Amino acid sequence: MQKLIVAAFVTVFAFGMQIACAADAAAPSGCEAKAVSKSGKKLAGAAKTTFMKKCEADGGVAPADAAAPAASGCADKAVSKTGKKLFGAAKTAFMKKCEADAKAAK
């Protein structure tokens, strides 16, 4: 009977520790908490690694939103030949060229 009580106590203690550890892991802070996609899902793999490096390099401040419109109006022009909005590397390259052209025109 005594062994049963000890086993129950150990089980309850282990379960309590597991809940306490899960509560700490469930509340990420800093860059970890900001590592979410535009659709609200957590980033994973290479996307998360890249985001974390940028965020930590910026001192814990999330990198600027790539979808924010530029003052030169280049964001409005970032459209593919089929009429869809550009994103990712294609948008980045387009924005760099467009902003450089806008500076040269001034």
PDB file of N, CA and C in Angstrom:
ATOM      1  N   MET A   1       0.823  -1.195   0.000  1.00  0.00           N
ATOM      2  CA  MET A   1       0.000   0.000   0.000  1.00  0.00           C
ATOM      3  C   MET A   1       0.867   1.259   0.000  1.00  0.00           C
ATOM      4  N   GLN A   2       1.932   1.204   0.768  1.00  0.00           N
ATOM      5  CA  GLN A   2       2.817   2.354   0.873  1.00  0.00           C
ATOM      6  C   GLN A   2       3.490   2.639  -0.481  1.00  0.00           C
ATOM      7  N   LYS A   3       3.842   1.586  -1.240  1.00  0.00           N
ATOM      8  CA  LYS A   3       4.460   1.751  -2.551  1.00  0.00           C
ATOM      9  C   LYS A   3       3.488   2.432  -3.518  1.00  0.00           C
ATOM     10  N   LEU A   4       2.226   2.101  -3.406  1.00  0.00           N
ATOM     11  CA  LEU A   4       1.210   2.700  -4.257  1.00  0.00           C
ATOM     12  C   LEU A   4       1.072   4.196  -3.985  1.00  0.00           C
ATOM     13  N   ILE A   5       1.124   4.583  -2.731  1.00  0.00           N
ATOM     14  CA  ILE A   5       1.023   5.993  -2.363  1.00  0.00           C
ATOM     15  C   ILE A   5       2.245   6.764  -2.864  1.00  0.00           C
ATOM     16  N   VAL A   6       3.431   6.179  -2.735  1.00  0.00           N
ATOM     17  CA  VAL A   6       4.660   6.823  -3.208  1.00  0.00           C
ATOM     18  C   VAL A   6       4.615   6.971  -4.733  1.00  0.00           C
ATOM     19  N   ALA A   7       4.164   5.933  -5.422  1.00  0.00           N
ATOM     20  CA  ALA A   7       4.065   5.991  -6.876  1.00  0.00           C
ATOM     21  C   ALA A   7       3.079   7.075  -7.316  1.00  0.00           C
ATOM     22  N   ALA A   8       1.975   7.202  -6.619  1.00  0.00           N
ATOM     23  CA  ALA A   8       0.988   8.229  -6.945  1.00  0.00           C
ATOM     24  C   ALA A   8       1.570   9.622  -6.706  1.00  0.00           C
ATOM     25  N   PHE A   9       2.295   9.779  -5.598  1.00  0.00           N
ATOM     26  CA  PHE A   9       2.912  11.068  -5.296  1.00  0.00           C
ATOM     27  C   PHE A   9       3.925  11.454  -6.370  1.00  0.00           C
ATOM     28  N   VAL A  10       4.768  10.514  -6.787  1.00  0.00           N
ATOM     29  CA  VAL A  10       5.774  10.780  -7.816  1.00  0.00           C
ATOM     30  C   VAL A  10       5.102  11.133  -9.134  1.00  0.00           C
ATOM     31  N   THR A  11       4.041  10.446  -9.475  1.00  0.00           N
ATOM     32  CA  THR A  11       3.320  10.719 -10.711  1.00  0.00           C
ATOM     33  C   THR A  11       2.713  12.114 -10.699  1.00  0.00           C
ATOM     34  N   VAL A  12       2.082  12.488  -9.596  1.00  0.00           N
ATOM     35  CA  VAL A  12       1.482  13.817  -9.483  1.00  0.00           C
ATOM     36  C   VAL A  12       2.571  14.889  -9.536  1.00  0.00           C
ATOM     37  N   PHE A  13       3.690  14.668  -8.873  1.00  0.00           N
ATOM     38  CA  PHE A  13       4.790  15.634  -8.890  1.00  0.00           C
ATOM     39  C   PHE A  13       5.348  15.793 -10.307  1.00  0.00           C
ATOM     40  N   ALA A  14       5.557  14.693 -11.011  1.00  0.00           N
ATOM     41  CA  ALA A  14       6.085  14.755 -12.378  1.00  0.00           C
ATOM     42  C   ALA A  14       5.111  15.471 -13.308  1.00  0.00           C
ATOM     43  N   PHE A  15       3.826  15.214 -13.146  1.00  0.00           N
ATOM     44  CA  PHE A  15       2.809  15.874 -13.962  1.00  0.00           C
ATOM     45  C   PHE A  15       2.803  17.381 -13.698  1.00  0.00           C
ATOM     46  N   GLY A  16       2.938  17.767 -12.436  1.00  0.00           N
ATOM     47  CA  GLY A  16       2.978  19.189 -12.072  1.00  0.00           C
ATOM     48  C   GLY A  16       4.194  19.880 -12.666  1.00  0.00           C
ATOM     49  N   MET A  17       5.339  19.223 -12.658  1.00  0.00           N
ATOM     50  CA  MET A  17       6.556  19.791 -13.242  1.00  0.00           C
ATOM     51  C   MET A  17       6.407  19.945 -14.752  1.00  0.00           C
ATOM     52  N   GLN A  18       5.772  18.981 -15.379  1.00  0.00           N
ATOM     53  CA  GLN A  18       5.574  19.034 -16.819  1.00  0.00           C
ATOM     54  C   GLN A  18       4.677  20.221 -17.187  1.00  0.00           C
ATOM     55  N   ILE A  19       3.653  20.465 -16.421  1.00  0.00           N
ATOM     56  CA  ILE A  19       2.766  21.598 -16.667  1.00  0.00           C
ATOM     57  C   ILE A  19       3.517  22.911 -16.464  1.00  0.00           C
ATOM     58  N   ALA A  20       4.344  22.991 -15.427  1.00  0.00           N
ATOM     59  CA  ALA A  20       5.104  24.209 -15.160  1.00  0.00           C
ATOM     60  C   ALA A  20       6.089  24.498 -16.290  1.00  0.00           C
ATOM     61  N   CYS A  21       6.741  23.471 -16.794  1.00  0.00           N
ATOM     62  CA  CYS A  21       7.688  23.659 -17.900  1.00  0.00           C
ATOM     63  C   CYS A  21       6.959  24.048 -19.179  1.00  0.00           C
ATOM     64  N   ALA A  22       5.795  23.488 -19.410  1.00  0.00           N
ATOM     65  CA  ALA A  22       5.023  23.812 -20.608  1.00  0.00           C
ATOM     66  C   ALA A  22       4.546  25.257 -20.560  1.00  0.00           C
ATOM     67  N   ALA A  23       4.242  25.760 -19.376  1.00  0.00           N
ATOM     68  CA  ALA A  23       3.800  27.147 -19.242  1.00  0.00           C
ATOM     69  C   ALA A  23       4.936  28.099 -19.594  1.00  0.00           C
ATOM     70  N   ASP A  24       6.164  27.763 -19.211  1.00  0.00           N
ATOM     71  CA  ASP A  24       7.308  28.602 -19.561  1.00  0.00           C
ATOM     72  C   ASP A  24       7.558  28.581 -21.058  1.00  0.00           C
ATOM     73  N   ALA A  25       7.422  27.423 -21.692  1.00  0.00           N
ATOM     74  CA  ALA A  25       7.673  27.297 -23.120  1.00  0.00           C
ATOM     75  C   ALA A  25       6.553  27.928 -23.944  1.00  0.00           C
ATOM     76  N   ALA A  26       5.366  28.033 -23.372  1.00  0.00           N
ATOM     77  CA  ALA A  26       4.224  28.566 -24.110  1.00  0.00           C
ATOM     78  C   ALA A  26       4.268  30.086 -24.215  1.00  0.00           C
ATOM     79  N   ALA A  27       5.118  30.728 -23.434  1.00  0.00           N
ATOM     80  CA  ALA A  27       5.178  32.185 -23.442  1.00  0.00           C
ATOM     81  C   ALA A  27       6.533  32.655 -23.970  1.00  0.00           C
ATOM     82  N   PRO A  28       6.744  32.559 -25.284  1.00  0.00           N
ATOM     83  CA  PRO A  28       8.018  33.024 -25.838  1.00  0.00           C
ATOM     84  C   PRO A  28       8.122  34.540 -25.740  1.00  0.00           C
ATOM     85  N   SER A  29       9.347  35.024 -25.673  1.00  0.00           N
ATOM     86  CA  SER A  29       9.509  36.467 -25.554  1.00  0.00           C
ATOM     87  C   SER A  29      10.434  36.975 -26.646  1.00  0.00           C
ATOM     88  N   GLY A  30      10.381  38.263 -26.884  1.00  0.00           N
ATOM     89  CA  GLY A  30      11.277  38.896 -27.840  1.00  0.00           C
ATOM     90  C   GLY A  30      11.035  38.433 -29.257  1.00  0.00           C
ATOM     91  N   CYS A  31      12.133  38.105 -29.936  1.00  0.00           N
ATOM     92  CA  CYS A  31      12.072  37.723 -31.346  1.00  0.00           C
ATOM     93  C   CYS A  31      11.260  36.444 -31.558  1.00  0.00           C
ATOM     94  N   GLU A  32      11.332  35.530 -30.613  1.00  0.00           N
ATOM     95  CA  GLU A  32      10.612  34.257 -30.737  1.00  0.00           C
ATOM     96  C   GLU A  32       9.105  34.510 -30.855  1.00  0.00           C
ATOM     97  N   ALA A  33       8.598  35.471 -30.093  1.00  0.00           N
ATOM     98  CA  ALA A  33       7.169  35.766 -30.118  1.00  0.00           C
ATOM     99  C   ALA A  33       6.756  36.453 -31.411  1.00  0.00           C
ATOM    100  N   LYS A  34       7.705  37.163 -32.051  1.00  0.00           N
ATOM    101  CA  LYS A  34       7.384  37.901 -33.266  1.00  0.00           C
ATOM    102  C   LYS A  34       7.559  37.071 -34.523  1.00  0.00           C
ATOM    103  N   ALA A  35       8.051  35.844 -34.390  1.00  0.00           N
ATOM    104  CA  ALA A  35       8.341  35.001 -35.558  1.00  0.00           C
ATOM    105  C   ALA A  35       7.071  34.327 -36.071  1.00  0.00           C
ATOM    106  N   VAL A  36       6.189  35.124 -36.658  1.00  0.00           N
ATOM    107  CA  VAL A  36       4.956  34.607 -37.230  1.00  0.00           C
ATOM    108  C   VAL A  36       4.804  35.118 -38.656  1.00  0.00           C
ATOM    109  N   SER A  37       4.139  34.336 -39.487  1.00  0.00           N
ATOM    110  CA  SER A  37       3.933  34.729 -40.887  1.00  0.00           C
ATOM    111  C   SER A  37       2.791  35.735 -40.976  1.00  0.00           C
ATOM    112  N   LYS A  38       2.559  36.255 -42.172  1.00  0.00           N
ATOM    113  CA  LYS A  38       1.477  37.216 -42.376  1.00  0.00           C
ATOM    114  C   LYS A  38       0.117  36.602 -42.093  1.00  0.00           C
ATOM    115  N   SER A  39       0.012  35.268 -42.253  1.00  0.00           N
ATOM    116  CA  SER A  39      -1.257  34.601 -42.000  1.00  0.00           C
ATOM    117  C   SER A  39      -1.439  34.252 -40.526  1.00  0.00           C
ATOM    118  N   GLY A  40      -0.430  34.550 -39.689  1.00  0.00           N
ATOM    119  CA  GLY A  40      -0.539  34.323 -38.253  1.00  0.00           C
ATOM    120  C   GLY A  40       0.024  33.010 -37.767  1.00  0.00           C
ATOM    121  N   LYS A  41       0.585  32.197 -38.662  1.00  0.00           N
ATOM    122  CA  LYS A  41       1.159  30.921 -38.251  1.00  0.00           C
ATOM    123  C   LYS A  41       2.606  31.123 -37.826  1.00  0.00           C
ATOM    124  N   LYS A  42       3.087  30.268 -36.916  1.00  0.00           N
ATOM    125  CA  LYS A  42       4.474  30.341 -36.473  1.00  0.00           C
ATOM    126  C   LYS A  42       5.406  29.998 -37.624  1.00  0.00           C
ATOM    127  N   LEU A  43       6.515  30.741 -37.729  1.00  0.00           N
ATOM    128  CA  LEU A  43       7.514  30.442 -38.747  1.00  0.00           C
ATOM    129  C   LEU A  43       8.292  29.198 -38.337  1.00  0.00           C
ATOM    130  N   ALA A  44       8.793  28.471 -39.336  1.00  0.00           N
ATOM    131  CA  ALA A  44       9.575  27.271 -39.069  1.00  0.00           C
ATOM    132  C   ALA A  44      10.685  27.158 -40.103  1.00  0.00           C
ATOM    133  N   GLY A  45      11.699  26.406 -39.777  1.00  0.00           N
ATOM    134  CA  GLY A  45      12.774  26.118 -40.717  1.00  0.00           C
ATOM    135  C   GLY A  45      13.598  27.329 -41.079  1.00  0.00           C
ATOM    136  N   ALA A  46      13.930  27.434 -42.359  1.00  0.00           N
ATOM    137  CA  ALA A  46      14.805  28.496 -42.847  1.00  0.00           C
ATOM    138  C   ALA A  46      14.182  29.876 -42.662  1.00  0.00           C
ATOM    139  N   ALA A  47      12.884  29.980 -42.817  1.00  0.00           N
ATOM    140  CA  ALA A  47      12.217  31.271 -42.646  1.00  0.00           C
ATOM    141  C   ALA A  47      12.373  31.772 -41.213  1.00  0.00           C
ATOM    142  N   LYS A  48      12.222  30.872 -40.248  1.00  0.00           N
ATOM    143  CA  LYS A  48      12.365  31.259 -38.846  1.00  0.00           C
ATOM    144  C   LYS A  48      13.811  31.617 -38.540  1.00  0.00           C
ATOM    145  N   THR A  49      14.758  30.829 -39.070  1.00  0.00           N
ATOM    146  CA  THR A  49      16.168  31.095 -38.830  1.00  0.00           C
ATOM    147  C   THR A  49      16.550  32.474 -39.351  1.00  0.00           C
ATOM    148  N   THR A  50      16.128  32.791 -40.566  1.00  0.00           N
ATOM    149  CA  THR A  50      16.430  34.088 -41.164  1.00  0.00           C
ATOM    150  C   THR A  50      15.790  35.211 -40.362  1.00  0.00           C
ATOM    151  N   PHE A  51      14.538  35.041 -39.973  1.00  0.00           N
ATOM    152  CA  PHE A  51      13.842  36.056 -39.191  1.00  0.00           C
ATOM    153  C   PHE A  51      14.551  36.289 -37.867  1.00  0.00           C
ATOM    154  N   MET A  52      14.940  35.206 -37.194  1.00  0.00           N
ATOM    155  CA  MET A  52      15.593  35.323 -35.893  1.00  0.00           C
ATOM    156  C   MET A  52      16.925  36.060 -36.014  1.00  0.00           C
ATOM    157  N   LYS A  53      17.706  35.765 -37.063  1.00  0.00           N
ATOM    158  CA  LYS A  53      18.988  36.448 -37.252  1.00  0.00           C
ATOM    159  C   LYS A  53      18.777  37.946 -37.453  1.00  0.00           C
ATOM    160  N   LYS A  54      17.810  38.311 -38.297  1.00  0.00           N
ATOM    161  CA  LYS A  54      17.532  39.721 -38.550  1.00  0.00           C
ATOM    162  C   LYS A  54      17.029  40.411 -37.290  1.00  0.00           C
ATOM    163  N   CYS A  55      16.142  39.748 -36.581  1.00  0.00           N
ATOM    164  CA  CYS A  55      15.548  40.329 -35.383  1.00  0.00           C
ATOM    165  C   CYS A  55      16.613  40.548 -34.304  1.00  0.00           C
ATOM    166  N   GLU A  56      17.467  39.557 -34.081  1.00  0.00           N
ATOM    167  CA  GLU A  56      18.509  39.681 -33.076  1.00  0.00           C
ATOM    168  C   GLU A  56      19.547  40.723 -33.483  1.00  0.00           C
ATOM    169  N   ALA A  57      19.835  40.833 -34.783  1.00  0.00           N
ATOM    170  CA  ALA A  57      20.780  41.842 -35.256  1.00  0.00           C
ATOM    171  C   ALA A  57      20.225  43.247 -35.048  1.00  0.00           C
ATOM    172  N   ASP A  58      18.910  43.382 -35.102  1.00  0.00           N
ATOM    173  CA  ASP A  58      18.262  44.672 -34.886  1.00  0.00           C
ATOM    174  C   ASP A  58      18.053  44.965 -33.404  1.00  0.00           C
ATOM    175  N   GLY A  59      18.551  44.115 -32.545  1.00  0.00           N
ATOM    176  CA  GLY A  59      18.422  44.328 -31.107  1.00  0.00           C
ATOM    177  C   GLY A  59      17.076  43.922 -30.556  1.00  0.00           C
ATOM    178  N   GLY A  60      16.440  42.934 -31.140  1.00  0.00           N
ATOM    179  CA  GLY A  60      15.163  42.449 -30.645  1.00  0.00           C
ATOM    180  C   GLY A  60      13.966  43.147 -31.258  1.00  0.00           C
ATOM    181  N   VAL A  61      14.237  44.062 -32.157  1.00  0.00           N
ATOM    182  CA  VAL A  61      13.155  44.759 -32.843  1.00  0.00           C
ATOM    183  C   VAL A  61      12.879  44.024 -34.139  1.00  0.00           C
ATOM    184  N   ALA A  62      11.625  43.724 -34.409  1.00  0.00           N
ATOM    185  CA  ALA A  62      11.279  42.986 -35.623  1.00  0.00           C
ATOM    186  C   ALA A  62      11.670  43.784 -36.852  1.00  0.00           C
ATOM    187  N   PRO A  63      12.142  43.108 -37.909  1.00  0.00           N
ATOM    188  CA  PRO A  63      12.481  43.836 -39.121  1.00  0.00           C
ATOM    189  C   PRO A  63      11.261  44.536 -39.703  1.00  0.00           C
ATOM    190  N   ALA A  64      11.504  45.611 -40.415  1.00  0.00           N
ATOM    191  CA  ALA A  64      10.405  46.394 -40.985  1.00  0.00           C
ATOM    192  C   ALA A  64       9.568  45.529 -41.902  1.00  0.00           C
ATOM    193  N   ASP A  65       8.288  45.804 -41.926  1.00  0.00           N
ATOM    194  CA  ASP A  65       7.366  45.046 -42.764  1.00  0.00           C
ATOM    195  C   ASP A  65       7.671  45.313 -44.225  1.00  0.00           C
ATOM    196  N   ALA A  66       7.929  44.274 -44.995  1.00  0.00           N
ATOM    197  CA  ALA A  66       8.274  44.419 -46.409  1.00  0.00           C
ATOM    198  C   ALA A  66       7.083  44.907 -47.226  1.00  0.00           C
ATOM    199  N   ALA A  67       5.886  44.761 -46.695  1.00  0.00           N
ATOM    200  CA  ALA A  67       4.701  45.158 -47.449  1.00  0.00           C
ATOM    201  C   ALA A  67       4.350  46.633 -47.247  1.00  0.00           C
ATOM    202  N   ALA A  68       5.112  47.348 -46.400  1.00  0.00           N
ATOM    203  CA  ALA A  68       4.817  48.751 -46.162  1.00  0.00           C
ATOM    204  C   ALA A  68       5.080  49.554 -47.431  1.00  0.00           C
ATOM    205  N   PRO A  69       4.162  50.411 -47.794  1.00  0.00           N
ATOM    206  CA  PRO A  69       4.337  51.166 -49.035  1.00  0.00           C
ATOM    207  C   PRO A  69       5.472  52.170 -48.918  1.00  0.00           C
ATOM    208  N   ALA A  70       6.231  52.317 -49.973  1.00  0.00           N
ATOM    209  CA  ALA A  70       7.327  53.277 -50.008  1.00  0.00           C
ATOM    210  C   ALA A  70       6.773  54.640 -50.380  1.00  0.00           C
ATOM    211  N   ALA A  71       7.501  55.676 -50.005  1.00  0.00           N
ATOM    212  CA  ALA A  71       7.056  57.033 -50.282  1.00  0.00           C
ATOM    213  C   ALA A  71       7.079  57.325 -51.783  1.00  0.00           C
ATOM    214  N   SER A  72       7.933  56.608 -52.528  1.00  0.00           N
ATOM    215  CA  SER A  72       8.057  56.879 -53.962  1.00  0.00           C
ATOM    216  C   SER A  72       6.947  56.247 -54.790  1.00  0.00           C
ATOM    217  N   GLY A  73       6.096  55.421 -54.200  1.00  0.00           N
ATOM    218  CA  GLY A  73       5.013  54.781 -54.931  1.00  0.00           C
ATOM    219  C   GLY A  73       5.428  53.497 -55.620  1.00  0.00           C
ATOM    220  N   CYS A  74       6.630  53.019 -55.344  1.00  0.00           N
ATOM    221  CA  CYS A  74       7.122  51.789 -55.976  1.00  0.00           C
ATOM    222  C   CYS A  74       6.304  50.571 -55.561  1.00  0.00           C
ATOM    223  N   ALA A  75       5.786  50.584 -54.325  1.00  0.00           N
ATOM    224  CA  ALA A  75       5.021  49.436 -53.838  1.00  0.00           C
ATOM    225  C   ALA A  75       3.773  49.217 -54.693  1.00  0.00           C
ATOM    226  N   ASP A  76       3.183  50.311 -55.170  1.00  0.00           N
ATOM    227  CA  ASP A  76       1.990  50.194 -56.005  1.00  0.00           C
ATOM    228  C   ASP A  76       2.322  49.618 -57.381  1.00  0.00           C
ATOM    229  N   LYS A  77       3.552  49.827 -57.825  1.00  0.00           N
ATOM    230  CA  LYS A  77       3.975  49.364 -59.139  1.00  0.00           C
ATOM    231  C   LYS A  77       4.523  47.941 -59.120  1.00  0.00           C
ATOM    232  N   ALA A  78       4.693  47.353 -57.945  1.00  0.00           N
ATOM    233  CA  ALA A  78       5.295  46.025 -57.812  1.00  0.00           C
ATOM    234  C   ALA A  78       4.291  44.941 -58.196  1.00  0.00           C
ATOM    235  N   VAL A  79       4.056  44.811 -59.502  1.00  0.00           N
ATOM    236  CA  VAL A  79       3.070  43.869 -60.027  1.00  0.00           C
ATOM    237  C   VAL A  79       3.719  43.067 -61.151  1.00  0.00           C
ATOM    238  N   SER A  80       3.437  41.767 -61.206  1.00  0.00           N
ATOM    239  CA  SER A  80       4.009  40.917 -62.247  1.00  0.00           C
ATOM    240  C   SER A  80       3.308  41.150 -63.584  1.00  0.00           C
ATOM    241  N   LYS A  81       3.813  40.497 -64.625  1.00  0.00           N
ATOM    242  CA  LYS A  81       3.222  40.639 -65.961  1.00  0.00           C
ATOM    243  C   LYS A  81       1.788  40.117 -66.010  1.00  0.00           C
ATOM    244  N   THR A  82       1.481  39.166 -65.120  1.00  0.00           N
ATOM    245  CA  THR A  82       0.129  38.603 -65.095  1.00  0.00           C
ATOM    246  C   THR A  82      -0.827  39.424 -64.233  1.00  0.00           C
ATOM    247  N   GLY A  83      -0.316  40.485 -63.586  1.00  0.00           N
ATOM    248  CA  GLY A  83      -1.172  41.348 -62.785  1.00  0.00           C
ATOM    249  C   GLY A  83      -1.203  41.011 -61.308  1.00  0.00           C
ATOM    250  N   LYS A  84      -0.428  40.020 -60.880  1.00  0.00           N
ATOM    251  CA  LYS A  84      -0.402  39.657 -59.463  1.00  0.00           C
ATOM    252  C   LYS A  84       0.673  40.461 -58.751  1.00  0.00           C
ATOM    253  N   LYS A  85       0.452  40.739 -57.452  1.00  0.00           N
ATOM    254  CA  LYS A  85       1.435  41.466 -56.664  1.00  0.00           C
ATOM    255  C   LYS A  85       2.708  40.636 -56.517  1.00  0.00           C
ATOM    256  N   LEU A  86       3.860  41.307 -56.579  1.00  0.00           N
ATOM    257  CA  LEU A  86       5.129  40.625 -56.366  1.00  0.00           C
ATOM    258  C   LEU A  86       5.349  40.416 -54.876  1.00  0.00           C
ATOM    259  N   PHE A  87       6.108  39.376 -54.530  1.00  0.00           N
ATOM    260  CA  PHE A  87       6.469  39.140 -53.143  1.00  0.00           C
ATOM    261  C   PHE A  87       7.824  38.457 -53.098  1.00  0.00           C
ATOM    262  N   GLY A  88       8.433  38.445 -51.922  1.00  0.00           N
ATOM    263  CA  GLY A  88       9.715  37.770 -51.737  1.00  0.00           C
ATOM    264  C   GLY A  88      10.854  38.472 -52.457  1.00  0.00           C
ATOM    265  N   ALA A  89      11.748  37.660 -53.034  1.00  0.00           N
ATOM    266  CA  ALA A  89      12.942  38.180 -53.689  1.00  0.00           C
ATOM    267  C   ALA A  89      12.606  39.027 -54.910  1.00  0.00           C
ATOM    268  N   ALA A  90      11.569  38.662 -55.632  1.00  0.00           N
ATOM    269  CA  ALA A  90      11.175  39.435 -56.816  1.00  0.00           C
ATOM    270  C   ALA A  90      10.750  40.846 -56.417  1.00  0.00           C
ATOM    271  N   LYS A  91       9.994  40.953 -55.338  1.00  0.00           N
ATOM    272  CA  LYS A  91       9.553  42.271 -54.880  1.00  0.00           C
ATOM    273  C   LYS A  91      10.735  43.078 -54.361  1.00  0.00           C
ATOM    274  N   THR A  92      11.631  42.422 -53.632  1.00  0.00           N
ATOM    275  CA  THR A  92      12.802  43.115 -53.100  1.00  0.00           C
ATOM    276  C   THR A  92      13.647  43.689 -54.229  1.00  0.00           C
ATOM    277  N   ALA A  93      13.908  42.886 -55.247  1.00  0.00           N
ATOM    278  CA  ALA A  93      14.708  43.342 -56.388  1.00  0.00           C
ATOM    279  C   ALA A  93      14.003  44.491 -57.114  1.00  0.00           C
ATOM    280  N   PHE A  94      12.699  44.352 -57.318  1.00  0.00           N
ATOM    281  CA  PHE A  94      11.938  45.409 -57.995  1.00  0.00           C
ATOM    282  C   PHE A  94      11.988  46.708 -57.196  1.00  0.00           C
ATOM    283  N   MET A  95      11.806  46.606 -55.881  1.00  0.00           N
ATOM    284  CA  MET A  95      11.788  47.792 -55.032  1.00  0.00           C
ATOM    285  C   MET A  95      13.139  48.507 -55.064  1.00  0.00           C
ATOM    286  N   LYS A  96      14.242  47.741 -55.004  1.00  0.00           N
ATOM    287  CA  LYS A  96      15.571  48.353 -55.048  1.00  0.00           C
ATOM    288  C   LYS A  96      15.759  49.121 -56.354  1.00  0.00           C
ATOM    289  N   LYS A  97      15.395  48.486 -57.455  1.00  0.00           N
ATOM    290  CA  LYS A  97      15.567  49.125 -58.771  1.00  0.00           C
ATOM    291  C   LYS A  97      14.663  50.340 -58.900  1.00  0.00           C
ATOM    292  N   CYS A  98      13.430  50.212 -58.499  1.00  0.00           N
ATOM    293  CA  CYS A  98      12.472  51.301 -58.620  1.00  0.00           C
ATOM    294  C   CYS A  98      12.909  52.505 -57.780  1.00  0.00           C
ATOM    295  N   GLU A  99      13.343  52.263 -56.539  1.00  0.00           N
ATOM    296  CA  GLU A  99      13.766  53.357 -55.672  1.00  0.00           C
ATOM    297  C   GLU A  99      15.047  54.002 -56.187  1.00  0.00           C
ATOM    298  N   ALA A 100      15.966  53.197 -56.744  1.00  0.00           N
ATOM    299  CA  ALA A 100      17.183  53.749 -57.335  1.00  0.00           C
ATOM    300  C   ALA A 100      16.837  54.628 -58.531  1.00  0.00           C
ATOM    301  N   ASP A 101      15.905  54.179 -59.359  1.00  0.00           N
ATOM    302  CA  ASP A 101      15.471  54.956 -60.513  1.00  0.00           C
ATOM    303  C   ASP A 101      14.788  56.248 -60.077  1.00  0.00           C
ATOM    304  N   ALA A 102      14.018  56.191 -58.992  1.00  0.00           N
ATOM    305  CA  ALA A 102      13.326  57.368 -58.475  1.00  0.00           C
ATOM    306  C   ALA A 102      14.330  58.399 -57.963  1.00  0.00           C
ATOM    307  N   LYS A 103      15.401  57.935 -57.309  1.00  0.00           N
ATOM    308  CA  LYS A 103      16.436  58.840 -56.810  1.00  0.00           C
ATOM    309  C   LYS A 103      17.170  59.491 -57.974  1.00  0.00           C
ATOM    310  N   ALA A 104      17.455  58.692 -58.992  1.00  0.00           N
ATOM    311  CA  ALA A 104      18.185  59.199 -60.162  1.00  0.00           C
ATOM    312  C   ALA A 104      17.347  60.225 -60.923  1.00  0.00           C
ATOM    313  N   ALA A 105      16.042  60.079 -60.912  1.00  0.00           N
ATOM    314  CA  ALA A 105      15.159  60.985 -61.631  1.00  0.00           C
ATOM    315  C   ALA A 105      15.049  62.339 -60.940  1.00  0.00           C
ATOM    316  N   LYS A 106      15.300  62.379 -59.652  1.00  0.00           N
ATOM    317  CA  LYS A 106      15.191  63.640 -58.880  1.00  0.00           C
ATOM    318  C   LYS A 106      16.384  64.451 -59.116  1.00  0.00           C
TER     319      LYS A 106
END
